[in-house]
Amino acid sequence: MKKRLALIHTVTWYGKVITEPFVKPWLAANPDIEVFNIMDDSLLADSLTHGGATPEVIKRLQYYLLAAEAMNADAAMITCTTVGEASRIARSYISIPVFNIDEPMAREAVQMGDRLGILATVPTSVAATKTLLEYEAARAGKKVSIEVGLSVEAFNSLVQGNIARHDELVCAEADKLAEKVDVLVLGQISLAQVRHQTRVPLLQVGHSGFAEAKRLLS
């Protein structure tokens, strides 16, 4: 019997940034696994409106995780960095393994340096990623400093379908931030397809998240 992975998304266009570039090749390489999707874009919309996940967002996320469990998922991965803190609260009530897609990336970043940079295009992703990096640093017994590069204009360009402008703005922000840090982390799955080299390592959300899913399902 195939193992089942539940993916919980917070954007309607998850097919472009998650399914096509990550899920399809991952499933092709792992025929013993199947994936199903749960999507609620109000999770992100409400978090953006209120500057972070509200108690209502946490409750809804918990319901979706319970639904994933009822649908016989063997593990669940939440693909939105903004609701990372909410997922850490919600998962405490769930019996299957649950993790956020950016958690493996954060652990790797903490191992690689003391001066960490967060590159994001959504303000709530900055706060969520900063909290996650600090959490992982504390677990590792390390003291880190964190710099931020934020381009809301890039996110607006992405929503409007102007991918070239989005990538241009993200790359420019990455180059500036790279001058101040030891390692850069991309704070959203929507940034994972940007192809750019900086003077420091640049860690992306996607592949490490699916590698963790494979580990949990093995």
N, C-alpha and C. Protein backbone atom coordinates (compact mmCIF):
# COMPACT_ATOMS: atom_id res chain seq x y z
N MET A 1 0.84 -1.20 0.00
CA MET A 1 0.00 0.00 0.00
C MET A 1 0.88 1.25 0.00
N LYS A 2 0.48 2.23 -0.80
CA LYS A 2 1.26 3.46 -0.88
C LYS A 2 1.13 4.29 0.39
N LYS A 3 2.22 4.96 0.76
CA LYS A 3 2.17 5.95 1.83
C LYS A 3 1.49 7.21 1.30
N ARG A 4 0.80 7.94 2.19
CA ARG A 4 0.04 9.11 1.76
C ARG A 4 0.57 10.37 2.46
N LEU A 5 0.85 11.39 1.65
CA LEU A 5 1.29 12.68 2.17
C LEU A 5 0.22 13.72 1.89
N ALA A 6 -0.23 14.41 2.93
CA ALA A 6 -1.17 15.52 2.77
C ALA A 6 -0.38 16.82 2.65
N LEU A 7 -0.71 17.61 1.64
CA LEU A 7 -0.13 18.94 1.48
C LEU A 7 -1.21 19.97 1.76
N ILE A 8 -0.91 20.91 2.65
CA ILE A 8 -1.87 21.95 3.00
C ILE A 8 -1.35 23.28 2.48
N HIS A 9 -2.13 23.88 1.57
CA HIS A 9 -1.72 25.09 0.86
C HIS A 9 -2.57 26.29 1.27
N THR A 10 -2.02 27.49 1.05
CA THR A 10 -2.75 28.72 1.39
C THR A 10 -2.88 29.67 0.20
N VAL A 11 -2.54 29.20 -1.00
CA VAL A 11 -2.71 30.02 -2.22
C VAL A 11 -3.39 29.17 -3.28
N THR A 12 -4.23 29.82 -4.10
CA THR A 12 -4.96 29.09 -5.14
C THR A 12 -4.03 28.62 -6.26
N TRP A 13 -2.90 29.30 -6.42
CA TRP A 13 -1.98 28.97 -7.52
C TRP A 13 -0.85 28.05 -7.06
N TYR A 14 -1.14 27.18 -6.11
CA TYR A 14 -0.10 26.27 -5.61
C TYR A 14 0.40 25.32 -6.70
N GLY A 15 -0.42 25.08 -7.72
CA GLY A 15 0.01 24.20 -8.80
C GLY A 15 1.27 24.70 -9.50
N LYS A 16 1.36 26.02 -9.68
CA LYS A 16 2.50 26.60 -10.39
C LYS A 16 3.78 26.54 -9.57
N VAL A 17 3.67 26.78 -8.28
CA VAL A 17 4.88 26.92 -7.45
C VAL A 17 5.22 25.67 -6.65
N ILE A 18 4.29 24.73 -6.55
CA ILE A 18 4.56 23.52 -5.76
C ILE A 18 4.35 22.24 -6.57
N THR A 19 3.15 22.07 -7.14
CA THR A 19 2.84 20.82 -7.83
C THR A 19 3.76 20.56 -9.01
N GLU A 20 3.85 21.52 -9.92
CA GLU A 20 4.63 21.32 -11.14
C GLU A 20 6.13 21.18 -10.87
N PRO A 21 6.74 22.13 -10.14
CA PRO A 21 8.20 22.03 -9.97
C PRO A 21 8.68 21.00 -8.94
N PHE A 22 7.83 20.67 -7.97
CA PHE A 22 8.30 19.81 -6.88
C PHE A 22 7.55 18.48 -6.77
N VAL A 23 6.22 18.55 -6.69
CA VAL A 23 5.45 17.34 -6.41
C VAL A 23 5.56 16.31 -7.53
N LYS A 24 5.38 16.74 -8.77
CA LYS A 24 5.38 15.78 -9.88
C LYS A 24 6.71 15.03 -10.01
N PRO A 25 7.86 15.73 -10.05
CA PRO A 25 9.11 14.98 -10.13
C PRO A 25 9.39 14.14 -8.89
N TRP A 26 8.96 14.62 -7.73
CA TRP A 26 9.16 13.86 -6.48
C TRP A 26 8.36 12.57 -6.50
N LEU A 27 7.11 12.64 -6.97
CA LEU A 27 6.29 11.43 -7.06
C LEU A 27 6.83 10.46 -8.11
N ALA A 28 7.36 11.00 -9.19
CA ALA A 28 7.94 10.14 -10.22
C ALA A 28 9.13 9.36 -9.66
N ALA A 29 9.87 9.99 -8.76
CA ALA A 29 11.03 9.34 -8.14
C ALA A 29 10.65 8.46 -6.96
N ASN A 30 9.41 8.62 -6.48
CA ASN A 30 8.95 7.86 -5.31
C ASN A 30 7.57 7.25 -5.59
N PRO A 31 7.51 6.24 -6.44
CA PRO A 31 6.21 5.67 -6.84
C PRO A 31 5.45 4.99 -5.70
N ASP A 32 6.09 4.81 -4.56
CA ASP A 32 5.43 4.19 -3.42
C ASP A 32 4.70 5.21 -2.55
N ILE A 33 4.67 6.47 -3.00
CA ILE A 33 4.02 7.55 -2.24
C ILE A 33 2.94 8.20 -3.10
N GLU A 34 1.84 8.61 -2.48
CA GLU A 34 0.84 9.42 -3.17
C GLU A 34 0.55 10.67 -2.35
N VAL A 35 0.08 11.70 -3.04
CA VAL A 35 -0.14 13.01 -2.42
C VAL A 35 -1.58 13.43 -2.63
N PHE A 36 -2.17 14.07 -1.60
CA PHE A 36 -3.43 14.77 -1.82
C PHE A 36 -3.32 16.17 -1.22
N ASN A 37 -4.16 17.08 -1.72
CA ASN A 37 -4.05 18.50 -1.40
C ASN A 37 -5.27 19.03 -0.67
N ILE A 38 -5.01 19.90 0.29
CA ILE A 38 -6.05 20.68 0.97
C ILE A 38 -5.65 22.14 0.81
N MET A 39 -6.58 22.98 0.34
CA MET A 39 -6.24 24.39 0.09
C MET A 39 -7.29 25.31 0.72
N ASP A 40 -6.82 26.31 1.44
CA ASP A 40 -7.68 27.37 1.97
C ASP A 40 -6.90 28.67 1.92
N ASP A 41 -7.22 29.52 0.92
CA ASP A 41 -6.46 30.76 0.78
C ASP A 41 -6.82 31.80 1.83
N SER A 42 -7.87 31.56 2.61
CA SER A 42 -8.20 32.50 3.69
C SER A 42 -7.18 32.42 4.83
N LEU A 43 -6.46 31.30 4.94
CA LEU A 43 -5.43 31.19 5.97
C LEU A 43 -4.37 32.27 5.79
N LEU A 44 -3.90 32.43 4.55
CA LEU A 44 -2.90 33.45 4.27
C LEU A 44 -3.52 34.84 4.27
N ALA A 45 -4.70 34.98 3.65
CA ALA A 45 -5.34 36.29 3.57
C ALA A 45 -5.60 36.87 4.96
N ASP A 46 -6.12 36.06 5.86
CA ASP A 46 -6.40 36.53 7.22
C ASP A 46 -5.11 36.82 7.99
N SER A 47 -4.09 36.02 7.76
CA SER A 47 -2.80 36.26 8.42
C SER A 47 -2.18 37.57 7.94
N LEU A 48 -2.30 37.85 6.64
CA LEU A 48 -1.78 39.11 6.10
C LEU A 48 -2.54 40.30 6.67
N THR A 49 -3.86 40.17 6.78
CA THR A 49 -4.69 41.26 7.29
C THR A 49 -4.34 41.59 8.74
N HIS A 50 -4.06 40.57 9.53
CA HIS A 50 -3.85 40.77 10.97
C HIS A 50 -2.38 40.74 11.38
N GLY A 51 -1.49 40.67 10.40
CA GLY A 51 -0.06 40.69 10.71
C GLY A 51 0.47 39.41 11.30
N GLY A 52 -0.23 38.32 11.10
CA GLY A 52 0.19 37.02 11.61
C GLY A 52 -1.01 36.13 11.80
N ALA A 53 -0.76 34.87 12.13
CA ALA A 53 -1.84 33.91 12.30
C ALA A 53 -2.68 34.25 13.54
N THR A 54 -3.98 34.29 13.36
CA THR A 54 -4.92 34.55 14.45
C THR A 54 -5.35 33.22 15.10
N PRO A 55 -6.01 33.27 16.27
CA PRO A 55 -6.53 32.03 16.85
C PRO A 55 -7.47 31.28 15.91
N GLU A 56 -8.21 32.05 15.09
CA GLU A 56 -9.12 31.41 14.14
C GLU A 56 -8.35 30.67 13.05
N VAL A 57 -7.25 31.26 12.61
CA VAL A 57 -6.40 30.61 11.61
C VAL A 57 -5.83 29.31 12.18
N ILE A 58 -5.35 29.38 13.41
CA ILE A 58 -4.80 28.18 14.07
C ILE A 58 -5.86 27.09 14.17
N LYS A 59 -7.09 27.50 14.53
CA LYS A 59 -8.17 26.52 14.67
C LYS A 59 -8.50 25.87 13.33
N ARG A 60 -8.59 26.67 12.27
CA ARG A 60 -8.89 26.10 10.95
C ARG A 60 -7.78 25.16 10.49
N LEU A 61 -6.55 25.56 10.75
CA LEU A 61 -5.42 24.71 10.37
C LEU A 61 -5.48 23.38 11.12
N GLN A 62 -5.87 23.45 12.37
CA GLN A 62 -6.02 22.21 13.15
C GLN A 62 -7.10 21.31 12.54
N TYR A 63 -8.21 21.92 12.09
CA TYR A 63 -9.27 21.14 11.46
C TYR A 63 -8.76 20.45 10.19
N TYR A 64 -7.95 21.16 9.41
CA TYR A 64 -7.43 20.57 8.17
C TYR A 64 -6.47 19.42 8.47
N LEU A 65 -5.69 19.57 9.52
CA LEU A 65 -4.79 18.48 9.91
C LEU A 65 -5.57 17.27 10.40
N LEU A 66 -6.65 17.52 11.13
CA LEU A 66 -7.52 16.42 11.56
C LEU A 66 -8.17 15.75 10.35
N ALA A 67 -8.55 16.57 9.36
CA ALA A 67 -9.12 16.02 8.13
C ALA A 67 -8.10 15.16 7.40
N ALA A 68 -6.86 15.65 7.34
CA ALA A 68 -5.80 14.87 6.69
C ALA A 68 -5.61 13.53 7.38
N GLU A 69 -5.65 13.57 8.70
CA GLU A 69 -5.53 12.34 9.49
C GLU A 69 -6.68 11.39 9.18
N ALA A 70 -7.91 11.94 9.09
CA ALA A 70 -9.09 11.13 8.79
C ALA A 70 -9.05 10.57 7.37
N MET A 71 -8.30 11.23 6.48
CA MET A 71 -8.16 10.78 5.09
C MET A 71 -6.98 9.82 4.94
N ASN A 72 -6.53 9.30 6.08
CA ASN A 72 -5.47 8.28 6.12
C ASN A 72 -4.11 8.77 5.63
N ALA A 73 -3.83 10.04 5.87
CA ALA A 73 -2.48 10.54 5.59
C ALA A 73 -1.50 9.92 6.58
N ASP A 74 -0.31 9.62 6.10
CA ASP A 74 0.75 9.12 6.98
C ASP A 74 1.62 10.26 7.50
N ALA A 75 1.54 11.42 6.84
CA ALA A 75 2.25 12.62 7.27
C ALA A 75 1.61 13.81 6.57
N ALA A 76 1.83 15.00 7.12
CA ALA A 76 1.28 16.22 6.51
C ALA A 76 2.36 17.29 6.47
N MET A 77 2.43 17.99 5.34
CA MET A 77 3.37 19.10 5.18
C MET A 77 2.58 20.36 4.83
N ILE A 78 2.83 21.42 5.59
CA ILE A 78 2.20 22.71 5.34
C ILE A 78 3.15 23.53 4.48
N THR A 79 2.66 24.02 3.35
CA THR A 79 3.55 24.61 2.35
C THR A 79 3.67 26.13 2.45
N CYS A 80 3.05 26.73 3.45
CA CYS A 80 3.08 28.19 3.60
C CYS A 80 3.92 28.57 4.82
N THR A 81 4.94 29.40 4.61
CA THR A 81 5.81 29.79 5.71
C THR A 81 5.13 30.74 6.69
N THR A 82 4.18 31.52 6.21
CA THR A 82 3.50 32.49 7.07
C THR A 82 2.80 31.82 8.25
N VAL A 83 2.24 30.63 8.03
CA VAL A 83 1.49 29.97 9.10
C VAL A 83 2.33 28.94 9.86
N GLY A 84 3.65 29.08 9.80
CA GLY A 84 4.53 28.14 10.47
C GLY A 84 4.30 28.06 11.97
N GLU A 85 4.18 29.22 12.61
CA GLU A 85 3.94 29.24 14.06
C GLU A 85 2.61 28.58 14.38
N ALA A 86 1.60 28.87 13.55
CA ALA A 86 0.28 28.26 13.74
C ALA A 86 0.36 26.75 13.61
N SER A 87 1.16 26.28 12.67
CA SER A 87 1.25 24.83 12.47
C SER A 87 1.92 24.14 13.65
N ARG A 88 2.88 24.82 14.29
CA ARG A 88 3.54 24.21 15.44
C ARG A 88 2.58 24.07 16.62
N ILE A 89 1.60 24.97 16.68
CA ILE A 89 0.58 24.86 17.73
C ILE A 89 -0.44 23.79 17.36
N ALA A 90 -0.92 23.85 16.12
CA ALA A 90 -1.98 22.94 15.68
C ALA A 90 -1.54 21.48 15.69
N ARG A 91 -0.28 21.22 15.37
CA ARG A 91 0.17 19.83 15.23
C ARG A 91 0.21 19.07 16.54
N SER A 92 0.20 19.80 17.66
CA SER A 92 0.30 19.12 18.95
C SER A 92 -0.92 18.25 19.24
N TYR A 93 -1.99 18.44 18.47
CA TYR A 93 -3.21 17.65 18.67
C TYR A 93 -3.34 16.51 17.66
N ILE A 94 -2.33 16.33 16.81
CA ILE A 94 -2.42 15.38 15.71
C ILE A 94 -1.47 14.21 15.95
N SER A 95 -1.91 13.01 15.59
CA SER A 95 -1.10 11.82 15.86
C SER A 95 -0.11 11.50 14.75
N ILE A 96 -0.31 12.04 13.53
CA ILE A 96 0.62 11.79 12.43
C ILE A 96 1.72 12.86 12.43
N PRO A 97 2.88 12.58 11.82
CA PRO A 97 3.92 13.61 11.72
C PRO A 97 3.44 14.81 10.89
N VAL A 98 3.69 16.00 11.40
CA VAL A 98 3.33 17.25 10.72
C VAL A 98 4.53 18.17 10.76
N PHE A 99 4.84 18.80 9.63
CA PHE A 99 5.92 19.78 9.63
C PHE A 99 5.67 20.84 8.58
N ASN A 100 6.35 21.96 8.76
CA ASN A 100 6.26 23.05 7.79
C ASN A 100 7.39 22.90 6.77
N ILE A 101 7.12 23.26 5.55
CA ILE A 101 8.06 23.01 4.45
C ILE A 101 9.41 23.70 4.64
N ASP A 102 9.44 24.77 5.45
CA ASP A 102 10.69 25.51 5.61
C ASP A 102 11.53 25.05 6.81
N GLU A 103 11.04 24.14 7.61
CA GLU A 103 11.76 23.72 8.81
C GLU A 103 13.12 23.06 8.50
N PRO A 104 13.20 22.15 7.53
CA PRO A 104 14.53 21.59 7.21
C PRO A 104 15.52 22.64 6.74
N MET A 105 15.04 23.62 5.96
CA MET A 105 15.90 24.70 5.50
C MET A 105 16.44 25.52 6.66
N ALA A 106 15.59 25.80 7.64
CA ALA A 106 16.01 26.59 8.80
C ALA A 106 17.09 25.86 9.60
N ARG A 107 16.92 24.56 9.78
CA ARG A 107 17.94 23.79 10.51
C ARG A 107 19.28 23.83 9.78
N GLU A 108 19.23 23.71 8.46
CA GLU A 108 20.46 23.75 7.67
C GLU A 108 21.13 25.11 7.76
N ALA A 109 20.34 26.18 7.70
CA ALA A 109 20.89 27.54 7.76
C ALA A 109 21.62 27.77 9.08
N VAL A 110 21.03 27.33 10.17
CA VAL A 110 21.63 27.51 11.50
C VAL A 110 22.96 26.76 11.60
N GLN A 111 23.04 25.61 10.93
CA GLN A 111 24.29 24.84 10.94
C GLN A 111 25.39 25.52 10.12
N MET A 112 24.98 26.32 9.12
CA MET A 112 25.95 26.87 8.16
C MET A 112 26.56 28.20 8.57
N GLY A 113 25.91 28.95 9.45
CA GLY A 113 26.47 30.25 9.79
C GLY A 113 25.81 30.90 10.97
N ASP A 114 26.40 32.02 11.41
CA ASP A 114 25.86 32.78 12.54
C ASP A 114 25.11 34.03 12.08
N ARG A 115 25.45 34.53 10.88
CA ARG A 115 24.77 35.72 10.34
C ARG A 115 23.83 35.24 9.24
N LEU A 116 22.54 35.25 9.55
CA LEU A 116 21.54 34.70 8.64
C LEU A 116 20.74 35.81 7.98
N GLY A 117 20.40 35.61 6.72
CA GLY A 117 19.59 36.57 5.99
C GLY A 117 18.29 35.95 5.53
N ILE A 118 17.19 36.69 5.68
CA ILE A 118 15.88 36.24 5.22
C ILE A 118 15.48 37.08 4.02
N LEU A 119 15.20 36.44 2.90
CA LEU A 119 14.71 37.12 1.71
C LEU A 119 13.25 36.74 1.52
N ALA A 120 12.37 37.73 1.48
CA ALA A 120 10.94 37.46 1.37
C ALA A 120 10.24 38.56 0.58
N THR A 121 9.01 38.25 0.17
CA THR A 121 8.20 39.25 -0.54
C THR A 121 6.87 39.50 0.17
N VAL A 122 6.65 38.82 1.29
CA VAL A 122 5.45 39.00 2.10
C VAL A 122 5.89 39.27 3.54
N PRO A 123 5.43 40.38 4.15
CA PRO A 123 5.88 40.74 5.50
C PRO A 123 5.67 39.64 6.54
N THR A 124 4.54 38.94 6.47
CA THR A 124 4.28 37.91 7.47
C THR A 124 5.25 36.74 7.34
N SER A 125 5.78 36.51 6.14
CA SER A 125 6.78 35.45 5.97
C SER A 125 8.07 35.80 6.69
N VAL A 126 8.40 37.09 6.71
CA VAL A 126 9.60 37.53 7.43
C VAL A 126 9.48 37.19 8.90
N ALA A 127 8.36 37.57 9.50
CA ALA A 127 8.16 37.32 10.93
C ALA A 127 8.18 35.83 11.24
N ALA A 128 7.50 35.05 10.40
CA ALA A 128 7.43 33.61 10.63
C ALA A 128 8.79 32.94 10.47
N THR A 129 9.54 33.34 9.45
CA THR A 129 10.86 32.74 9.21
C THR A 129 11.84 33.15 10.29
N LYS A 130 11.76 34.39 10.74
CA LYS A 130 12.64 34.86 11.82
C LYS A 130 12.38 34.05 13.10
N THR A 131 11.12 33.86 13.42
CA THR A 131 10.77 33.06 14.59
C THR A 131 11.31 31.64 14.46
N LEU A 132 11.17 31.07 13.27
CA LEU A 132 11.64 29.70 13.04
C LEU A 132 13.16 29.60 13.17
N LEU A 133 13.89 30.55 12.58
CA LEU A 133 15.35 30.53 12.67
C LEU A 133 15.82 30.67 14.12
N GLU A 134 15.18 31.56 14.87
CA GLU A 134 15.53 31.74 16.28
C GLU A 134 15.22 30.48 17.09
N TYR A 135 14.13 29.83 16.75
CA TYR A 135 13.75 28.58 17.43
C TYR A 135 14.78 27.49 17.17
N GLU A 136 15.17 27.34 15.89
CA GLU A 136 16.15 26.31 15.54
C GLU A 136 17.53 26.63 16.12
N ALA A 137 17.88 27.92 16.17
CA ALA A 137 19.16 28.32 16.76
C ALA A 137 19.19 27.99 18.25
N ALA A 138 18.08 28.26 18.94
CA ALA A 138 18.00 27.95 20.37
C ALA A 138 18.12 26.44 20.60
N ARG A 139 17.48 25.66 19.75
CA ARG A 139 17.58 24.20 19.87
C ARG A 139 19.01 23.72 19.66
N ALA A 140 19.74 24.42 18.79
CA ALA A 140 21.13 24.04 18.50
C ALA A 140 22.11 24.66 19.48
N GLY A 141 21.62 25.52 20.38
CA GLY A 141 22.50 26.18 21.33
C GLY A 141 23.38 27.24 20.69
N LYS A 142 22.89 27.87 19.62
CA LYS A 142 23.67 28.87 18.90
C LYS A 142 23.05 30.25 19.04
N LYS A 143 23.90 31.26 18.96
CA LYS A 143 23.44 32.64 18.94
C LYS A 143 23.62 33.15 17.51
N VAL A 144 22.54 33.66 16.92
CA VAL A 144 22.61 34.13 15.53
C VAL A 144 22.10 35.56 15.43
N SER A 145 22.55 36.25 14.39
CA SER A 145 21.98 37.55 14.03
C SER A 145 21.22 37.37 12.72
N ILE A 146 20.17 38.15 12.54
CA ILE A 146 19.31 37.98 11.37
C ILE A 146 19.09 39.31 10.67
N GLU A 147 19.38 39.34 9.38
CA GLU A 147 19.11 40.49 8.52
C GLU A 147 17.94 40.13 7.60
N VAL A 148 17.22 41.17 7.15
CA VAL A 148 16.02 40.93 6.34
C VAL A 148 16.08 41.72 5.04
N GLY A 149 15.69 41.07 3.96
CA GLY A 149 15.47 41.74 2.68
C GLY A 149 14.04 41.47 2.24
N LEU A 150 13.24 42.52 2.10
CA LEU A 150 11.81 42.37 1.79
C LEU A 150 11.46 43.18 0.55
N SER A 151 10.77 42.56 -0.40
CA SER A 151 10.30 43.27 -1.59
C SER A 151 8.83 42.94 -1.82
N VAL A 152 7.95 43.77 -1.27
CA VAL A 152 6.51 43.60 -1.48
C VAL A 152 6.16 43.82 -2.95
N GLU A 153 6.90 44.71 -3.60
CA GLU A 153 6.67 44.95 -5.03
C GLU A 153 6.85 43.67 -5.84
N ALA A 154 7.81 42.85 -5.45
CA ALA A 154 8.03 41.59 -6.15
C ALA A 154 6.82 40.67 -6.03
N PHE A 155 6.23 40.60 -4.84
CA PHE A 155 5.05 39.76 -4.65
C PHE A 155 3.89 40.27 -5.49
N ASN A 156 3.70 41.58 -5.51
CA ASN A 156 2.63 42.16 -6.32
C ASN A 156 2.83 41.84 -7.79
N SER A 157 4.07 41.87 -8.24
CA SER A 157 4.37 41.52 -9.63
C SER A 157 4.02 40.06 -9.92
N LEU A 158 4.31 39.19 -8.95
CA LEU A 158 4.00 37.77 -9.12
C LEU A 158 2.50 37.55 -9.23
N VAL A 159 1.74 38.20 -8.35
CA VAL A 159 0.28 38.06 -8.36
C VAL A 159 -0.30 38.55 -9.69
N GLN A 160 0.33 39.60 -10.25
CA GLN A 160 -0.13 40.16 -11.53
C GLN A 160 0.37 39.36 -12.73
N GLY A 161 1.15 38.32 -12.48
CA GLY A 161 1.64 37.48 -13.56
C GLY A 161 2.92 37.93 -14.22
N ASN A 162 3.56 38.97 -13.66
CA ASN A 162 4.80 39.49 -14.24
C ASN A 162 5.99 38.78 -13.57
N ILE A 163 6.26 37.56 -14.01
CA ILE A 163 7.30 36.73 -13.39
C ILE A 163 8.69 37.34 -13.55
N ALA A 164 8.94 37.91 -14.74
CA ALA A 164 10.27 38.48 -15.01
C ALA A 164 10.58 39.61 -14.04
N ARG A 165 9.61 40.50 -13.81
CA ARG A 165 9.81 41.61 -12.88
C ARG A 165 9.98 41.09 -11.45
N HIS A 166 9.18 40.10 -11.09
CA HIS A 166 9.31 39.48 -9.77
C HIS A 166 10.73 38.97 -9.55
N ASP A 167 11.23 38.21 -10.51
CA ASP A 167 12.56 37.61 -10.37
C ASP A 167 13.66 38.67 -10.33
N GLU A 168 13.49 39.71 -11.14
CA GLU A 168 14.47 40.81 -11.17
C GLU A 168 14.58 41.49 -9.81
N LEU A 169 13.44 41.77 -9.20
CA LEU A 169 13.44 42.44 -7.90
C LEU A 169 14.01 41.53 -6.81
N VAL A 170 13.66 40.26 -6.86
CA VAL A 170 14.15 39.32 -5.86
C VAL A 170 15.67 39.17 -5.96
N CYS A 171 16.19 39.07 -7.17
CA CYS A 171 17.64 38.92 -7.36
C CYS A 171 18.40 40.15 -6.87
N ALA A 172 17.85 41.33 -7.13
CA ALA A 172 18.49 42.56 -6.68
C ALA A 172 18.53 42.62 -5.15
N GLU A 173 17.43 42.22 -4.52
CA GLU A 173 17.37 42.22 -3.05
C GLU A 173 18.33 41.18 -2.48
N ALA A 174 18.45 40.05 -3.15
CA ALA A 174 19.36 38.99 -2.70
C ALA A 174 20.81 39.46 -2.73
N ASP A 175 21.19 40.16 -3.79
CA ASP A 175 22.57 40.65 -3.91
C ASP A 175 22.91 41.63 -2.79
N LYS A 176 21.96 42.51 -2.46
CA LYS A 176 22.19 43.48 -1.38
C LYS A 176 22.34 42.77 -0.03
N LEU A 177 21.45 41.83 0.21
CA LEU A 177 21.44 41.14 1.50
C LEU A 177 22.67 40.25 1.67
N ALA A 178 23.14 39.68 0.58
CA ALA A 178 24.29 38.76 0.64
C ALA A 178 25.56 39.43 1.13
N GLU A 179 25.64 40.75 1.02
CA GLU A 179 26.82 41.48 1.48
C GLU A 179 26.92 41.50 3.00
N LYS A 180 25.83 41.15 3.69
CA LYS A 180 25.79 41.33 5.14
C LYS A 180 25.68 40.03 5.94
N VAL A 181 25.60 38.88 5.23
CA VAL A 181 25.30 37.63 5.94
C VAL A 181 26.21 36.48 5.50
N ASP A 182 26.13 35.37 6.25
CA ASP A 182 26.88 34.15 5.90
C ASP A 182 26.07 33.21 5.02
N VAL A 183 24.76 33.26 5.17
CA VAL A 183 23.87 32.38 4.41
C VAL A 183 22.52 33.06 4.24
N LEU A 184 21.90 32.86 3.09
CA LEU A 184 20.59 33.44 2.78
C LEU A 184 19.54 32.35 2.76
N VAL A 185 18.37 32.62 3.32
CA VAL A 185 17.24 31.70 3.19
C VAL A 185 16.10 32.41 2.46
N LEU A 186 15.46 31.68 1.56
CA LEU A 186 14.30 32.21 0.85
C LEU A 186 13.07 31.89 1.67
N GLY A 187 12.37 32.92 2.10
CA GLY A 187 11.31 32.75 3.09
C GLY A 187 9.98 32.25 2.58
N GLN A 188 9.87 31.89 1.29
CA GLN A 188 8.59 31.44 0.74
C GLN A 188 8.82 30.42 -0.36
N ILE A 189 7.86 29.53 -0.52
CA ILE A 189 7.92 28.56 -1.61
C ILE A 189 7.82 29.26 -2.96
N SER A 190 7.15 30.42 -3.01
CA SER A 190 7.00 31.14 -4.28
C SER A 190 8.34 31.66 -4.80
N LEU A 191 9.37 31.67 -3.96
CA LEU A 191 10.70 32.13 -4.38
C LEU A 191 11.59 30.98 -4.84
N ALA A 192 11.12 29.76 -4.68
CA ALA A 192 12.00 28.60 -4.89
C ALA A 192 12.44 28.41 -6.33
N GLN A 193 11.70 29.00 -7.28
CA GLN A 193 12.06 28.82 -8.69
C GLN A 193 12.99 29.92 -9.21
N VAL A 194 13.33 30.87 -8.37
CA VAL A 194 14.26 31.92 -8.77
C VAL A 194 15.66 31.32 -8.87
N ARG A 195 16.28 31.46 -10.02
CA ARG A 195 17.63 30.93 -10.24
C ARG A 195 18.63 32.07 -10.17
N HIS A 196 19.39 32.12 -9.09
CA HIS A 196 20.33 33.23 -8.91
C HIS A 196 21.45 32.80 -7.97
N GLN A 197 22.66 33.19 -8.29
CA GLN A 197 23.80 32.89 -7.44
C GLN A 197 24.26 34.16 -6.74
N THR A 198 24.50 34.05 -5.46
CA THR A 198 25.03 35.17 -4.68
C THR A 198 26.38 34.76 -4.11
N ARG A 199 27.03 35.69 -3.43
CA ARG A 199 28.36 35.41 -2.88
C ARG A 199 28.31 34.47 -1.67
N VAL A 200 27.11 34.22 -1.16
CA VAL A 200 26.95 33.30 -0.03
C VAL A 200 25.94 32.22 -0.42
N PRO A 201 25.91 31.09 0.30
CA PRO A 201 24.92 30.05 0.00
C PRO A 201 23.50 30.59 0.11
N LEU A 202 22.64 30.16 -0.81
CA LEU A 202 21.25 30.58 -0.84
C LEU A 202 20.38 29.33 -0.73
N LEU A 203 19.67 29.21 0.38
CA LEU A 203 18.88 28.00 0.66
C LEU A 203 17.42 28.22 0.28
N GLN A 204 16.87 27.25 -0.43
CA GLN A 204 15.48 27.32 -0.88
C GLN A 204 14.60 26.37 -0.08
N VAL A 205 13.32 26.67 -0.10
CA VAL A 205 12.37 25.93 0.72
C VAL A 205 12.05 24.54 0.18
N GLY A 206 11.86 24.39 -1.12
CA GLY A 206 11.20 23.23 -1.68
C GLY A 206 11.83 21.87 -1.50
N HIS A 207 13.02 21.66 -2.08
CA HIS A 207 13.57 20.31 -2.14
C HIS A 207 13.86 19.72 -0.76
N SER A 208 14.34 20.55 0.16
CA SER A 208 14.63 20.03 1.51
C SER A 208 13.35 19.62 2.22
N GLY A 209 12.25 20.32 1.93
CA GLY A 209 10.97 19.95 2.52
C GLY A 209 10.50 18.58 2.06
N PHE A 210 10.63 18.33 0.76
CA PHE A 210 10.21 17.04 0.23
C PHE A 210 11.17 15.92 0.63
N ALA A 211 12.43 16.25 0.83
CA ALA A 211 13.37 15.26 1.35
C ALA A 211 12.97 14.84 2.77
N GLU A 212 12.52 15.81 3.57
CA GLU A 212 12.05 15.49 4.92
C GLU A 212 10.79 14.63 4.86
N ALA A 213 9.90 14.94 3.92
CA ALA A 213 8.69 14.13 3.77
C ALA A 213 9.05 12.69 3.43
N LYS A 214 10.01 12.51 2.54
CA LYS A 214 10.46 11.17 2.18
C LYS A 214 11.01 10.43 3.40
N ARG A 215 11.79 11.15 4.22
CA ARG A 215 12.36 10.53 5.41
C ARG A 215 11.26 10.06 6.36
N LEU A 216 10.25 10.90 6.55
CA LEU A 216 9.17 10.57 7.48
C LEU A 216 8.31 9.41 6.97
N LEU A 217 8.21 9.28 5.66
CA LEU A 217 7.36 8.24 5.09
C LEU A 217 8.10 6.92 4.84
N SER A 218 9.40 6.93 5.07
CA SER A 218 10.19 5.71 4.81
C SER A 218 10.10 4.73 5.98
